Amino acid sequence: MCLAAPSRVLEVSDGMALTECFGQMREVSLLLMAEEVAVGDYLLIQAGGFAFERVDPERAREALALMQEFMTQGGDARSWGEGFEAA
């Protein structure tokens, strides 16, 4: 299973975007994006460095806050979701 954290676009130039997620900067390709990408957008990025989906900003911030909460729990990451039922 793959987990993609939304990354915020800082710069866009020549089919590439500079993105940030949890303080990590990453240059990604916009080749797979069917729609225009702008500074401030949130994107999901494949392991190969290709952005593939734009995420609603509110939903992106909620996901990032939840991920941050999980990361600060410590312990064994495999147990983080125990007792949590998906909707």
PDB file of N, CA and C in Angstrom:
ATOM      1  N   MET A   1       0.835  -1.167   0.000  1.00  0.00           N
ATOM      2  CA  MET A   1       0.000   0.000   0.000  1.00  0.00           C
ATOM      3  C   MET A   1       0.890   1.242   0.000  1.00  0.00           C
ATOM      4  N   CYS A   2       0.441   2.251  -0.699  1.00  0.00           N
ATOM      5  CA  CYS A   2       1.190   3.504  -0.807  1.00  0.00           C
ATOM      6  C   CYS A   2       0.412   4.613  -0.105  1.00  0.00           C
ATOM      7  N   LEU A   3       1.120   5.481   0.570  1.00  0.00           N
ATOM      8  CA  LEU A   3       0.511   6.621   1.227  1.00  0.00           C
ATOM      9  C   LEU A   3       1.144   7.881   0.662  1.00  0.00           C
ATOM     10  N   ALA A   4       0.329   8.736   0.052  1.00  0.00           N
ATOM     11  CA  ALA A   4       0.844   9.977  -0.520  1.00  0.00           C
ATOM     12  C   ALA A   4       0.415  11.146   0.360  1.00  0.00           C
ATOM     13  N   ALA A   5       1.367  11.933   0.790  1.00  0.00           N
ATOM     14  CA  ALA A   5       1.073  13.135   1.569  1.00  0.00           C
ATOM     15  C   ALA A   5       0.933  14.307   0.605  1.00  0.00           C
ATOM     16  N   PRO A   6      -0.107  15.120   0.754  1.00  0.00           N
ATOM     17  CA  PRO A   6      -0.248  16.278  -0.131  1.00  0.00           C
ATOM     18  C   PRO A   6       0.950  17.221  -0.010  1.00  0.00           C
ATOM     19  N   SER A   7       1.445  17.667  -1.151  1.00  0.00           N
ATOM     20  CA  SER A   7       2.586  18.573  -1.193  1.00  0.00           C
ATOM     21  C   SER A   7       2.126  19.914  -1.767  1.00  0.00           C
ATOM     22  N   ARG A   8       2.536  21.011  -1.138  1.00  0.00           N
ATOM     23  CA  ARG A   8       2.132  22.355  -1.562  1.00  0.00           C
ATOM     24  C   ARG A   8       3.093  22.873  -2.627  1.00  0.00           C
ATOM     25  N   VAL A   9       2.551  23.432  -3.688  1.00  0.00           N
ATOM     26  CA  VAL A   9       3.347  23.970  -4.798  1.00  0.00           C
ATOM     27  C   VAL A   9       3.896  25.342  -4.410  1.00  0.00           C
ATOM     28  N   LEU A  10       5.221  25.484  -4.527  1.00  0.00           N
ATOM     29  CA  LEU A  10       5.899  26.744  -4.235  1.00  0.00           C
ATOM     30  C   LEU A  10       6.255  27.512  -5.496  1.00  0.00           C
ATOM     31  N   GLU A  11       6.614  26.780  -6.557  1.00  0.00           N
ATOM     32  CA  GLU A  11       6.998  27.391  -7.840  1.00  0.00           C
ATOM     33  C   GLU A  11       6.570  26.469  -8.972  1.00  0.00           C
ATOM     34  N   VAL A  12       6.253  27.051 -10.125  1.00  0.00           N
ATOM     35  CA  VAL A  12       5.923  26.290 -11.330  1.00  0.00           C
ATOM     36  C   VAL A  12       6.724  26.865 -12.477  1.00  0.00           C
ATOM     37  N   SER A  13       7.402  25.977 -13.243  1.00  0.00           N
ATOM     38  CA  SER A  13       8.202  26.440 -14.372  1.00  0.00           C
ATOM     39  C   SER A  13       8.495  25.289 -15.324  1.00  0.00           C
ATOM     40  N   ASP A  14       8.206  25.489 -16.592  1.00  0.00           N
ATOM     41  CA  ASP A  14       8.573  24.533 -17.652  1.00  0.00           C
ATOM     42  C   ASP A  14       8.166  23.099 -17.356  1.00  0.00           C
ATOM     43  N   GLY A  15       6.922  22.891 -16.962  1.00  0.00           N
ATOM     44  CA  GLY A  15       6.427  21.537 -16.743  1.00  0.00           C
ATOM     45  C   GLY A  15       6.903  20.879 -15.461  1.00  0.00           C
ATOM     46  N   MET A  16       7.521  21.667 -14.598  1.00  0.00           N
ATOM     47  CA  MET A  16       7.998  21.161 -13.311  1.00  0.00           C
ATOM     48  C   MET A  16       7.442  22.043 -12.199  1.00  0.00           C
ATOM     49  N   ALA A  17       7.389  21.490 -10.992  1.00  0.00           N
ATOM     50  CA  ALA A  17       6.956  22.275  -9.832  1.00  0.00           C
ATOM     51  C   ALA A  17       7.885  21.982  -8.669  1.00  0.00           C
ATOM     52  N   LEU A  18       8.171  23.013  -7.903  1.00  0.00           N
ATOM     53  CA  LEU A  18       8.883  22.851  -6.644  1.00  0.00           C
ATOM     54  C   LEU A  18       7.808  22.734  -5.577  1.00  0.00           C
ATOM     55  N   THR A  19       7.833  21.635  -4.818  1.00  0.00           N
ATOM     56  CA  THR A  19       6.816  21.398  -3.805  1.00  0.00           C
ATOM     57  C   THR A  19       7.458  21.223  -2.435  1.00  0.00           C
ATOM     58  N   GLU A  20       6.604  21.369  -1.399  1.00  0.00           N
ATOM     59  CA  GLU A  20       7.059  21.216  -0.024  1.00  0.00           C
ATOM     60  C   GLU A  20       6.054  20.369   0.732  1.00  0.00           C
ATOM     61  N   CYS A  21       6.580  19.459   1.547  1.00  0.00           N
ATOM     62  CA  CYS A  21       5.751  18.628   2.411  1.00  0.00           C
ATOM     63  C   CYS A  21       6.564  18.300   3.660  1.00  0.00           C
ATOM     64  N   PHE A  22       6.060  18.683   4.826  1.00  0.00           N
ATOM     65  CA  PHE A  22       6.743  18.466   6.103  1.00  0.00           C
ATOM     66  C   PHE A  22       8.180  18.983   6.076  1.00  0.00           C
ATOM     67  N   GLY A  23       8.373  20.144   5.429  1.00  0.00           N
ATOM     68  CA  GLY A  23       9.683  20.783   5.392  1.00  0.00           C
ATOM     69  C   GLY A  23      10.629  20.255   4.334  1.00  0.00           C
ATOM     70  N   GLN A  24      10.225  19.225   3.601  1.00  0.00           N
ATOM     71  CA  GLN A  24      11.066  18.654   2.548  1.00  0.00           C
ATOM     72  C   GLN A  24      10.679  19.252   1.200  1.00  0.00           C
ATOM     73  N   MET A  25      11.650  19.825   0.505  1.00  0.00           N
ATOM     74  CA  MET A  25      11.434  20.389  -0.831  1.00  0.00           C
ATOM     75  C   MET A  25      11.709  19.300  -1.869  1.00  0.00           C
ATOM     76  N   ARG A  26      10.905  19.330  -2.936  1.00  0.00           N
ATOM     77  CA  ARG A  26      11.063  18.310  -3.979  1.00  0.00           C
ATOM     78  C   ARG A  26      10.615  18.902  -5.306  1.00  0.00           C
ATOM     79  N   GLU A  27      11.425  18.667  -6.342  1.00  0.00           N
ATOM     80  CA  GLU A  27      11.041  19.072  -7.689  1.00  0.00           C
ATOM     81  C   GLU A  27      10.314  17.899  -8.337  1.00  0.00           C
ATOM     82  N   VAL A  28       9.131  18.164  -8.888  1.00  0.00           N
ATOM     83  CA  VAL A  28       8.320  17.095  -9.468  1.00  0.00           C
ATOM     84  C   VAL A  28       7.882  17.459 -10.875  1.00  0.00           C
ATOM     85  N   SER A  29       7.623  16.432 -11.660  1.00  0.00           N
ATOM     86  CA  SER A  29       7.135  16.614 -13.023  1.00  0.00           C
ATOM     87  C   SER A  29       5.622  16.793 -13.014  1.00  0.00           C
ATOM     88  N   LEU A  30       5.143  17.674 -13.887  1.00  0.00           N
ATOM     89  CA  LEU A  30       3.711  17.902 -14.049  1.00  0.00           C
ATOM     90  C   LEU A  30       3.173  17.221 -15.302  1.00  0.00           C
ATOM     91  N   LEU A  31       3.960  16.345 -15.894  1.00  0.00           N
ATOM     92  CA  LEU A  31       3.610  15.679 -17.145  1.00  0.00           C
ATOM     93  C   LEU A  31       2.264  14.955 -17.074  1.00  0.00           C
ATOM     94  N   LEU A  32       1.921  14.360 -15.939  1.00  0.00           N
ATOM     95  CA  LEU A  32       0.682  13.589 -15.822  1.00  0.00           C
ATOM     96  C   LEU A  32      -0.535  14.427 -15.442  1.00  0.00           C
ATOM     97  N   MET A  33      -0.324  15.710 -15.192  1.00  0.00           N
ATOM     98  CA  MET A  33      -1.430  16.571 -14.776  1.00  0.00           C
ATOM     99  C   MET A  33      -2.215  17.055 -16.000  1.00  0.00           C
ATOM    100  N   ALA A  34      -3.515  16.786 -16.016  1.00  0.00           N
ATOM    101  CA  ALA A  34      -4.369  17.204 -17.132  1.00  0.00           C
ATOM    102  C   ALA A  34      -4.780  18.664 -16.993  1.00  0.00           C
ATOM    103  N   GLU A  35      -4.711  19.193 -15.785  1.00  0.00           N
ATOM    104  CA  GLU A  35      -5.128  20.567 -15.536  1.00  0.00           C
ATOM    105  C   GLU A  35      -3.937  21.433 -15.158  1.00  0.00           C
ATOM    106  N   GLU A  36      -4.108  22.742 -15.279  1.00  0.00           N
ATOM    107  CA  GLU A  36      -3.049  23.682 -14.909  1.00  0.00           C
ATOM    108  C   GLU A  36      -2.769  23.605 -13.407  1.00  0.00           C
ATOM    109  N   VAL A  37      -1.521  23.805 -13.053  1.00  0.00           N
ATOM    110  CA  VAL A  37      -1.096  23.802 -11.653  1.00  0.00           C
ATOM    111  C   VAL A  37      -0.564  25.185 -11.326  1.00  0.00           C
ATOM    112  N   ALA A  38      -0.942  25.704 -10.155  1.00  0.00           N
ATOM    113  CA  ALA A  38      -0.528  27.045  -9.749  1.00  0.00           C
ATOM    114  C   ALA A  38       0.121  27.009  -8.371  1.00  0.00           C
ATOM    115  N   VAL A  39       0.893  28.030  -8.075  1.00  0.00           N
ATOM    116  CA  VAL A  39       1.491  28.175  -6.755  1.00  0.00           C
ATOM    117  C   VAL A  39       0.371  28.162  -5.719  1.00  0.00           C
ATOM    118  N   GLY A  40       0.570  27.397  -4.642  1.00  0.00           N
ATOM    119  CA  GLY A  40      -0.435  27.276  -3.587  1.00  0.00           C
ATOM    120  C   GLY A  40      -1.292  26.031  -3.705  1.00  0.00           C
ATOM    121  N   ASP A  41      -1.320  25.406  -4.897  1.00  0.00           N
ATOM    122  CA  ASP A  41      -2.066  24.153  -5.054  1.00  0.00           C
ATOM    123  C   ASP A  41      -1.414  23.057  -4.217  1.00  0.00           C
ATOM    124  N   TYR A  42      -2.204  22.048  -3.885  1.00  0.00           N
ATOM    125  CA  TYR A  42      -1.685  20.845  -3.221  1.00  0.00           C
ATOM    126  C   TYR A  42      -1.793  19.692  -4.199  1.00  0.00           C
ATOM    127  N   LEU A  43      -0.712  18.905  -4.295  1.00  0.00           N
ATOM    128  CA  LEU A  43      -0.652  17.800  -5.246  1.00  0.00           C
ATOM    129  C   LEU A  43      -0.304  16.494  -4.545  1.00  0.00           C
ATOM    130  N   LEU A  44      -0.766  15.395  -5.137  1.00  0.00           N
ATOM    131  CA  LEU A  44      -0.288  14.075  -4.741  1.00  0.00           C
ATOM    132  C   LEU A  44       0.775  13.682  -5.752  1.00  0.00           C
ATOM    133  N   ILE A  45       1.847  13.065  -5.256  1.00  0.00           N
ATOM    134  CA  ILE A  45       3.012  12.776  -6.097  1.00  0.00           C
ATOM    135  C   ILE A  45       3.374  11.309  -5.991  1.00  0.00           C
ATOM    136  N   GLN A  46       3.571  10.676  -7.139  1.00  0.00           N
ATOM    137  CA  GLN A  46       3.991   9.278  -7.179  1.00  0.00           C
ATOM    138  C   GLN A  46       5.450   9.162  -6.746  1.00  0.00           C
ATOM    139  N   ALA A  47       5.832   7.960  -6.353  1.00  0.00           N
ATOM    140  CA  ALA A  47       7.205   7.709  -5.915  1.00  0.00           C
ATOM    141  C   ALA A  47       8.231   8.117  -6.964  1.00  0.00           C
ATOM    142  N   GLY A  48       7.899   8.076  -8.234  1.00  0.00           N
ATOM    143  CA  GLY A  48       8.826   8.430  -9.300  1.00  0.00           C
ATOM    144  C   GLY A  48       8.993   9.918  -9.518  1.00  0.00           C
ATOM    145  N   GLY A  49       8.271  10.729  -8.730  1.00  0.00           N
ATOM    146  CA  GLY A  49       8.417  12.169  -8.865  1.00  0.00           C
ATOM    147  C   GLY A  49       7.453  12.820  -9.840  1.00  0.00           C
ATOM    148  N   PHE A  50       6.341  12.134 -10.144  1.00  0.00           N
ATOM    149  CA  PHE A  50       5.321  12.678 -11.040  1.00  0.00           C
ATOM    150  C   PHE A  50       4.088  13.062 -10.238  1.00  0.00           C
ATOM    151  N   ALA A  51       3.681  14.333 -10.311  1.00  0.00           N
ATOM    152  CA  ALA A  51       2.420  14.745  -9.700  1.00  0.00           C
ATOM    153  C   ALA A  51       1.294  14.126 -10.523  1.00  0.00           C
ATOM    154  N   PHE A  52       0.265  13.606  -9.831  1.00  0.00           N
ATOM    155  CA  PHE A  52      -0.806  12.951 -10.581  1.00  0.00           C
ATOM    156  C   PHE A  52      -2.202  13.431 -10.206  1.00  0.00           C
ATOM    157  N   GLU A  53      -2.335  14.207  -9.129  1.00  0.00           N
ATOM    158  CA  GLU A  53      -3.677  14.656  -8.733  1.00  0.00           C
ATOM    159  C   GLU A  53      -3.585  15.926  -7.895  1.00  0.00           C
ATOM    160  N   ARG A  54      -4.500  16.855  -8.162  1.00  0.00           N
ATOM    161  CA  ARG A  54      -4.620  18.055  -7.325  1.00  0.00           C
ATOM    162  C   ARG A  54      -5.607  17.718  -6.200  1.00  0.00           C
ATOM    163  N   VAL A  55      -5.321  18.231  -4.997  1.00  0.00           N
ATOM    164  CA  VAL A  55      -6.155  17.964  -3.829  1.00  0.00           C
ATOM    165  C   VAL A  55      -6.757  19.286  -3.345  1.00  0.00           C
ATOM    166  N   ASP A  56      -8.029  19.247  -2.964  1.00  0.00           N
ATOM    167  CA  ASP A  56      -8.684  20.417  -2.391  1.00  0.00           C
ATOM    168  C   ASP A  56      -7.856  20.911  -1.205  1.00  0.00           C
ATOM    169  N   PRO A  57      -7.577  22.210  -1.124  1.00  0.00           N
ATOM    170  CA  PRO A  57      -6.711  22.726  -0.058  1.00  0.00           C
ATOM    171  C   PRO A  57      -7.168  22.375   1.363  1.00  0.00           C
ATOM    172  N   GLU A  58      -8.463  22.454   1.629  1.00  0.00           N
ATOM    173  CA  GLU A  58      -8.956  22.120   2.972  1.00  0.00           C
ATOM    174  C   GLU A  58      -8.719  20.645   3.287  1.00  0.00           C
ATOM    175  N   ARG A  59      -9.003  19.802   2.327  1.00  0.00           N
ATOM    176  CA  ARG A  59      -8.783  18.359   2.508  1.00  0.00           C
ATOM    177  C   ARG A  59      -7.290  18.063   2.696  1.00  0.00           C
ATOM    178  N   ALA A  60      -6.441  18.752   1.947  1.00  0.00           N
ATOM    179  CA  ALA A  60      -4.992  18.559   2.058  1.00  0.00           C
ATOM    180  C   ALA A  60      -4.504  18.944   3.452  1.00  0.00           C
ATOM    181  N   ARG A  61      -4.960  20.100   3.959  1.00  0.00           N
ATOM    182  CA  ARG A  61      -4.534  20.540   5.295  1.00  0.00           C
ATOM    183  C   ARG A  61      -5.009  19.576   6.378  1.00  0.00           C
ATOM    184  N   GLU A  62      -6.236  19.046   6.231  1.00  0.00           N
ATOM    185  CA  GLU A  62      -6.746  18.064   7.192  1.00  0.00           C
ATOM    186  C   GLU A  62      -5.892  16.799   7.173  1.00  0.00           C
ATOM    187  N   ALA A  63      -5.554  16.320   5.975  1.00  0.00           N
ATOM    188  CA  ALA A  63      -4.736  15.111   5.854  1.00  0.00           C
ATOM    189  C   ALA A  63      -3.351  15.325   6.458  1.00  0.00           C
ATOM    190  N   LEU A  64      -2.756  16.480   6.187  1.00  0.00           N
ATOM    191  CA  LEU A  64      -1.423  16.768   6.723  1.00  0.00           C
ATOM    192  C   LEU A  64      -1.450  16.859   8.250  1.00  0.00           C
ATOM    193  N   ALA A  65      -2.509  17.458   8.804  1.00  0.00           N
ATOM    194  CA  ALA A  65      -2.630  17.557  10.263  1.00  0.00           C
ATOM    195  C   ALA A  65      -2.769  16.171  10.882  1.00  0.00           C
ATOM    196  N   LEU A  66      -3.556  15.303  10.269  1.00  0.00           N
ATOM    197  CA  LEU A  66      -3.726  13.939  10.767  1.00  0.00           C
ATOM    198  C   LEU A  66      -2.414  13.164  10.678  1.00  0.00           C
ATOM    199  N   MET A  67      -1.703  13.311   9.566  1.00  0.00           N
ATOM    200  CA  MET A  67      -0.409  12.630   9.414  1.00  0.00           C
ATOM    201  C   MET A  67       0.583  13.122  10.467  1.00  0.00           C
ATOM    202  N   GLN A  68       0.590  14.436  10.707  1.00  0.00           N
ATOM    203  CA  GLN A  68       1.484  15.010  11.720  1.00  0.00           C
ATOM    204  C   GLN A  68       1.151  14.426  13.096  1.00  0.00           C
ATOM    205  N   GLU A  69      -0.133  14.307  13.397  1.00  0.00           N
ATOM    206  CA  GLU A  69      -0.557  13.725  14.673  1.00  0.00           C
ATOM    207  C   GLU A  69      -0.061  12.286  14.809  1.00  0.00           C
ATOM    208  N   PHE A  70      -0.212  11.495  13.748  1.00  0.00           N
ATOM    209  CA  PHE A  70       0.256  10.112  13.778  1.00  0.00           C
ATOM    210  C   PHE A  70       1.770  10.045  13.985  1.00  0.00           C
ATOM    211  N   MET A  71       2.496  10.922  13.298  1.00  0.00           N
ATOM    212  CA  MET A  71       3.963  10.883  13.378  1.00  0.00           C
ATOM    213  C   MET A  71       4.474  11.269  14.764  1.00  0.00           C
ATOM    214  N   THR A  72       3.720  12.062  15.492  1.00  0.00           N
ATOM    215  CA  THR A  72       4.170  12.468  16.828  1.00  0.00           C
ATOM    216  C   THR A  72       3.791  11.461  17.903  1.00  0.00           C
ATOM    217  N   GLN A  73       3.024  10.428  17.547  1.00  0.00           N
ATOM    218  CA  GLN A  73       2.622   9.404  18.515  1.00  0.00           C
ATOM    219  C   GLN A  73       3.785   8.524  18.951  1.00  0.00           C
ATOM    220  N   GLY A  74       4.750   8.364  18.064  1.00  0.00           N
ATOM    221  CA  GLY A  74       5.873   7.484  18.380  1.00  0.00           C
ATOM    222  C   GLY A  74       5.434   6.024  18.363  1.00  0.00           C
ATOM    223  N   GLY A  75       6.272   5.180  18.899  1.00  0.00           N
ATOM    224  CA  GLY A  75       5.949   3.757  18.935  1.00  0.00           C
ATOM    225  C   GLY A  75       6.026   3.108  17.570  1.00  0.00           C
ATOM    226  N   ASP A  76       5.387   1.970  17.459  1.00  0.00           N
ATOM    227  CA  ASP A  76       5.388   1.176  16.238  1.00  0.00           C
ATOM    228  C   ASP A  76       4.324   1.709  15.282  1.00  0.00           C
ATOM    229  N   ALA A  77       4.735   2.216  14.141  1.00  0.00           N
ATOM    230  CA  ALA A  77       3.815   2.805  13.172  1.00  0.00           C
ATOM    231  C   ALA A  77       2.769   1.802  12.688  1.00  0.00           C
ATOM    232  N   ARG A  78       3.068   0.517  12.756  1.00  0.00           N
ATOM    233  CA  ARG A  78       2.104  -0.487  12.297  1.00  0.00           C
ATOM    234  C   ARG A  78       0.865  -0.532  13.183  1.00  0.00           C
ATOM    235  N   SER A  79       0.932   0.003  14.393  1.00  0.00           N
ATOM    236  CA  SER A  79      -0.209  -0.039  15.304  1.00  0.00           C
ATOM    237  C   SER A  79      -1.017   1.255  15.302  1.00  0.00           C
ATOM    238  N   TRP A  80      -0.626   2.262  14.540  1.00  0.00           N
ATOM    239  CA  TRP A  80      -1.293   3.561  14.573  1.00  0.00           C
ATOM    240  C   TRP A  80      -2.777   3.484  14.260  1.00  0.00           C
ATOM    241  N   GLY A  81      -3.183   2.655  13.352  1.00  0.00           N
ATOM    242  CA  GLY A  81      -4.588   2.611  12.941  1.00  0.00           C
ATOM    243  C   GLY A  81      -5.437   1.610  13.704  1.00  0.00           C
ATOM    244  N   GLU A  82      -4.881   0.936  14.674  1.00  0.00           N
ATOM    245  CA  GLU A  82      -5.640  -0.071  15.413  1.00  0.00           C
ATOM    246  C   GLU A  82      -6.829   0.567  16.109  1.00  0.00           C
ATOM    247  N   GLY A  83      -7.981  -0.088  15.970  1.00  0.00           N
ATOM    248  CA  GLY A  83      -9.191   0.409  16.604  1.00  0.00           C
ATOM    249  C   GLY A  83      -9.882   1.508  15.825  1.00  0.00           C
ATOM    250  N   PHE A  84      -9.322   1.902  14.700  1.00  0.00           N
ATOM    251  CA  PHE A  84      -9.918   2.950  13.884  1.00  0.00           C
ATOM    252  C   PHE A  84     -10.629   2.308  12.710  1.00  0.00           C
ATOM    253  N   GLU A  85     -11.929   2.600  12.554  1.00  0.00           N
ATOM    254  CA  GLU A  85     -12.694   2.035  11.459  1.00  0.00           C
ATOM    255  C   GLU A  85     -12.824   3.048  10.333  1.00  0.00           C
ATOM    256  N   ALA A  86     -12.573   2.598   9.117  1.00  0.00           N
ATOM    257  CA  ALA A  86     -12.720   3.463   7.944  1.00  0.00           C
ATOM    258  C   ALA A  86     -14.205   3.724   7.694  1.00  0.00           C
ATOM    259  N   ALA A  87     -14.489   4.890   7.193  1.00  0.00           N
ATOM    260  CA  ALA A  87     -15.898   5.270   6.907  1.00  0.00           C
ATOM    261  C   ALA A  87     -16.423   4.532   5.702  1.00  0.00           C
TER     262      ALA A  87
END
